[in-house]
Every structure is written in structure tokens, then in C-alpha cells.
Protein backbone atom coordinates (compact mmCIF):
# COMPACT_ATOMS: atom_id res chain seq x y z
CA MET A 1 6.53 -9.34 10.38
CA VAL A 2 3.67 -8.50 7.42
CA GLU A 3 -0.32 -9.47 8.61
CA ILE A 4 -3.17 -8.46 5.82
CA VAL A 5 -6.42 -8.36 6.78
CA TRP A 6 -8.78 -8.81 4.28
CA GLU A 7 -12.49 -6.81 4.78
CA GLU A 8 -15.62 -6.28 2.96
CA PHE A 9 -14.53 -3.61 0.68
CA GLY A 10 -10.53 -3.81 0.78
CA LEU A 11 -7.69 -4.63 2.75
CA ILE A 12 -5.34 -3.28 5.78
CA ARG A 13 -1.76 -4.69 5.12
CA THR A 14 0.42 -4.08 8.87
CA LEU A 15 3.87 -4.06 8.66
CA THR A 16 5.82 -4.73 12.36
CA GLY A 17 9.39 -4.73 13.28
CA VAL A 18 12.05 -5.38 10.83
CA ILE A 19 10.75 -5.26 7.26
CA THR A 20 12.73 -7.05 4.68
CA THR A 21 12.03 -7.03 0.39
CA GLU A 22 10.66 -10.95 0.55
CA GLU A 23 7.92 -9.58 2.86
CA MET A 24 7.18 -6.63 1.02
CA ASP A 25 7.08 -8.51 -1.96
CA THR A 26 5.75 -11.66 -0.71
CA SER A 27 2.61 -9.80 0.94
CA ALA A 28 2.39 -7.76 -2.65
CA GLN A 29 2.32 -10.56 -4.69
CA ARG A 30 -0.64 -12.31 -1.99
CA ILE A 31 -2.68 -8.72 -3.04
CA GLN A 32 -1.99 -8.04 -6.33
CA ALA A 33 -3.12 -12.08 -7.19
CA HIS A 34 -6.22 -11.10 -4.97
CA PRO A 35 -9.14 -12.29 -6.98
CA GLN A 36 -11.23 -9.21 -6.22
CA LEU A 37 -8.45 -6.60 -6.32
CA ASP A 38 -10.16 -4.95 -9.73
CA GLU A 39 -13.50 -4.11 -7.13
CA MET A 40 -11.64 -3.41 -4.00
CA ARG A 41 -12.18 0.26 -2.73
CA TYR A 42 -9.17 0.94 -0.45
CA ASN A 43 -5.64 -0.31 0.88
CA ILE A 44 -4.07 0.40 3.90
CA HIS A 45 -0.77 -0.51 4.55
CA ASP A 46 0.24 0.18 7.77
CA PHE A 47 3.68 0.53 8.21
CA SER A 48 3.45 2.88 12.18
CA GLY A 49 5.36 -0.45 13.62
CA VAL A 50 8.05 -0.75 11.14
CA THR A 51 11.54 0.11 13.16
CA GLU A 52 13.85 -0.76 10.35
CA ALA A 53 13.68 -1.18 6.44
CA LEU A 54 15.84 -3.78 4.47
CA LEU A 55 15.00 -2.41 0.63
CA ASP A 56 17.53 -0.89 -1.51
CA ASP A 57 16.86 1.83 -3.70
CA ASP A 58 15.98 -0.55 -6.86
CA ASP A 59 13.57 -2.40 -4.60
CA VAL A 60 11.18 0.44 -4.10
CA GLU A 61 11.14 1.35 -7.59
CA PHE A 62 10.27 -2.18 -8.49
CA LEU A 63 7.33 -2.57 -5.79
CA ALA A 64 6.04 0.96 -6.96
CA VAL A 65 5.75 -0.11 -10.15
CA ARG A 66 4.44 -3.41 -10.08
CA ALA A 67 1.96 -1.96 -7.43
CA SER A 68 1.12 0.66 -9.79
CA ILE A 69 0.59 -1.69 -13.19
CA SER A 70 -1.22 -4.07 -10.99
CA LEU A 71 -4.40 -1.47 -9.87
CA GLN A 72 -4.58 -0.29 -13.60
CA ARG A 73 -8.48 -1.85 -13.71
CA ASN A 74 -9.56 -0.37 -10.67
CA PRO A 75 -10.41 3.41 -11.06
CA ARG A 76 -12.35 3.38 -7.51
CA ILE A 77 -9.77 2.59 -5.09
CA ARG A 78 -7.82 4.66 -2.90
CA LEU A 79 -4.56 3.48 -1.66
CA SER A 80 -3.12 4.79 2.21
CA PHE A 81 -0.14 4.58 3.90
CA VAL A 82 0.24 5.51 7.59
CA GLY A 83 3.09 5.80 9.30
CA THR A 84 6.42 8.66 9.66
CA HIS A 85 9.49 5.81 9.12
CA PRO A 86 11.28 7.29 5.81
CA ILE A 87 10.52 4.02 3.52
CA VAL A 88 6.67 5.29 4.12
CA HIS A 89 8.12 8.44 1.99
CA GLU A 90 9.75 6.51 -0.30
CA LEU A 91 7.65 4.34 -1.28
CA VAL A 92 4.98 6.79 -1.57
CA ALA A 93 7.40 9.11 -3.75
CA ALA A 94 8.14 5.51 -6.11
CA PHE A 95 4.77 5.35 -6.32
CA ASN A 96 3.36 8.66 -7.02
CA ASN A 97 6.03 9.80 -9.61
CA SER A 98 6.27 6.04 -11.45
CA GLY A 99 4.35 7.63 -14.24
CA CYS A 100 2.71 4.21 -14.51
CA SER A 101 -0.85 4.58 -12.53
CA LYS A 102 -3.37 7.66 -12.38
CA HIS A 103 -3.72 7.02 -8.75
CA ARG A 104 -2.34 8.66 -6.41
CA ILE A 105 -1.23 7.56 -2.49
CA ARG A 106 -1.85 9.67 0.05
CA ARG A 107 0.14 9.45 3.54
CA PHE A 108 -1.74 9.54 7.00
CA ASP A 109 0.18 9.41 10.57
CA THR A 110 -2.77 7.33 12.19
CA LEU A 111 -4.87 4.34 10.73
CA GLU A 112 -7.74 5.92 12.16
CA GLU A 113 -7.28 8.94 9.70
CA ALA A 114 -6.63 6.55 6.63
CA ARG A 115 -9.34 5.00 8.01
CA ARG A 116 -11.80 8.35 7.67
CA TYR A 117 -10.11 8.25 3.89
CA SER A 118 -11.02 5.43 3.00
CA ALA A 119 -14.34 5.25 4.30
CA GLY A 120 -15.28 8.00 1.35
CA SER A 121 -14.44 5.15 -1.29
CA ARG A 122 -17.56 3.57 -0.74
CA SER A 123 -19.73 6.18 -2.47
CA ILE A 124 -17.52 6.58 -5.53
């Protein structure tokens, strides 16, 4: 399951249980189509409740490249992933190594850590 909570300066996408390519793709499209994407200061993607991820390597690469390109006009956004599930590490590596973005995703063990990191983006 995927839930997106829009906040004043950004968003939190919470993923729980078994996640599929379709869920990841649909929620990513909602985020990337948001009219305020270019002004957002943070995106936090919380995978701490994920028990299984049904994405193959091509899906991971596609999602990472599309996200990289969609964020090119926003130099101030901070990107955080929360969790230790292997899909978190795969998505972070695919994004950070895509060569399509100057942004870097930071991974945190807790939502609180990601929020602290994101809070610093408001002063940028």
C-alpha cells in the first residue's frame, strides 16, 4: 500500500506491506505531476513498513531515471528514503548512479532522522 501526505514544504510517501511496480509507478506519477514539484523542499519516501517488493531490476532503473529527470528543475529539494529493506538500497543506488541528476538520495533508518535532514532544506 502507498500513501502520500502533502505537507507545506514537501511530501511523505509511506509504503507498507507488499509493494508492486504498479503501486510505485502510480504514486511516482502523482508526485511527478504535482504542480508544486519544482518548489518542494523535500520528498521523504518511508519504506520502513515494506515486507516485500515485487519490482525487477528494469523497473527499479526506470523509476530511478524518470525521478531523476523530473527533479532537474528543482535544485533545492532534499530526497530521503527511510528503511533497510533491500529495495531501498536498490532504488537509492539506481537513482544516485543514474547519471541523470545532480541530486543524491540519502537513506535513513528512521522517519525522524529523515525529517531532521529535510528540515534543513527550508533554509536553502
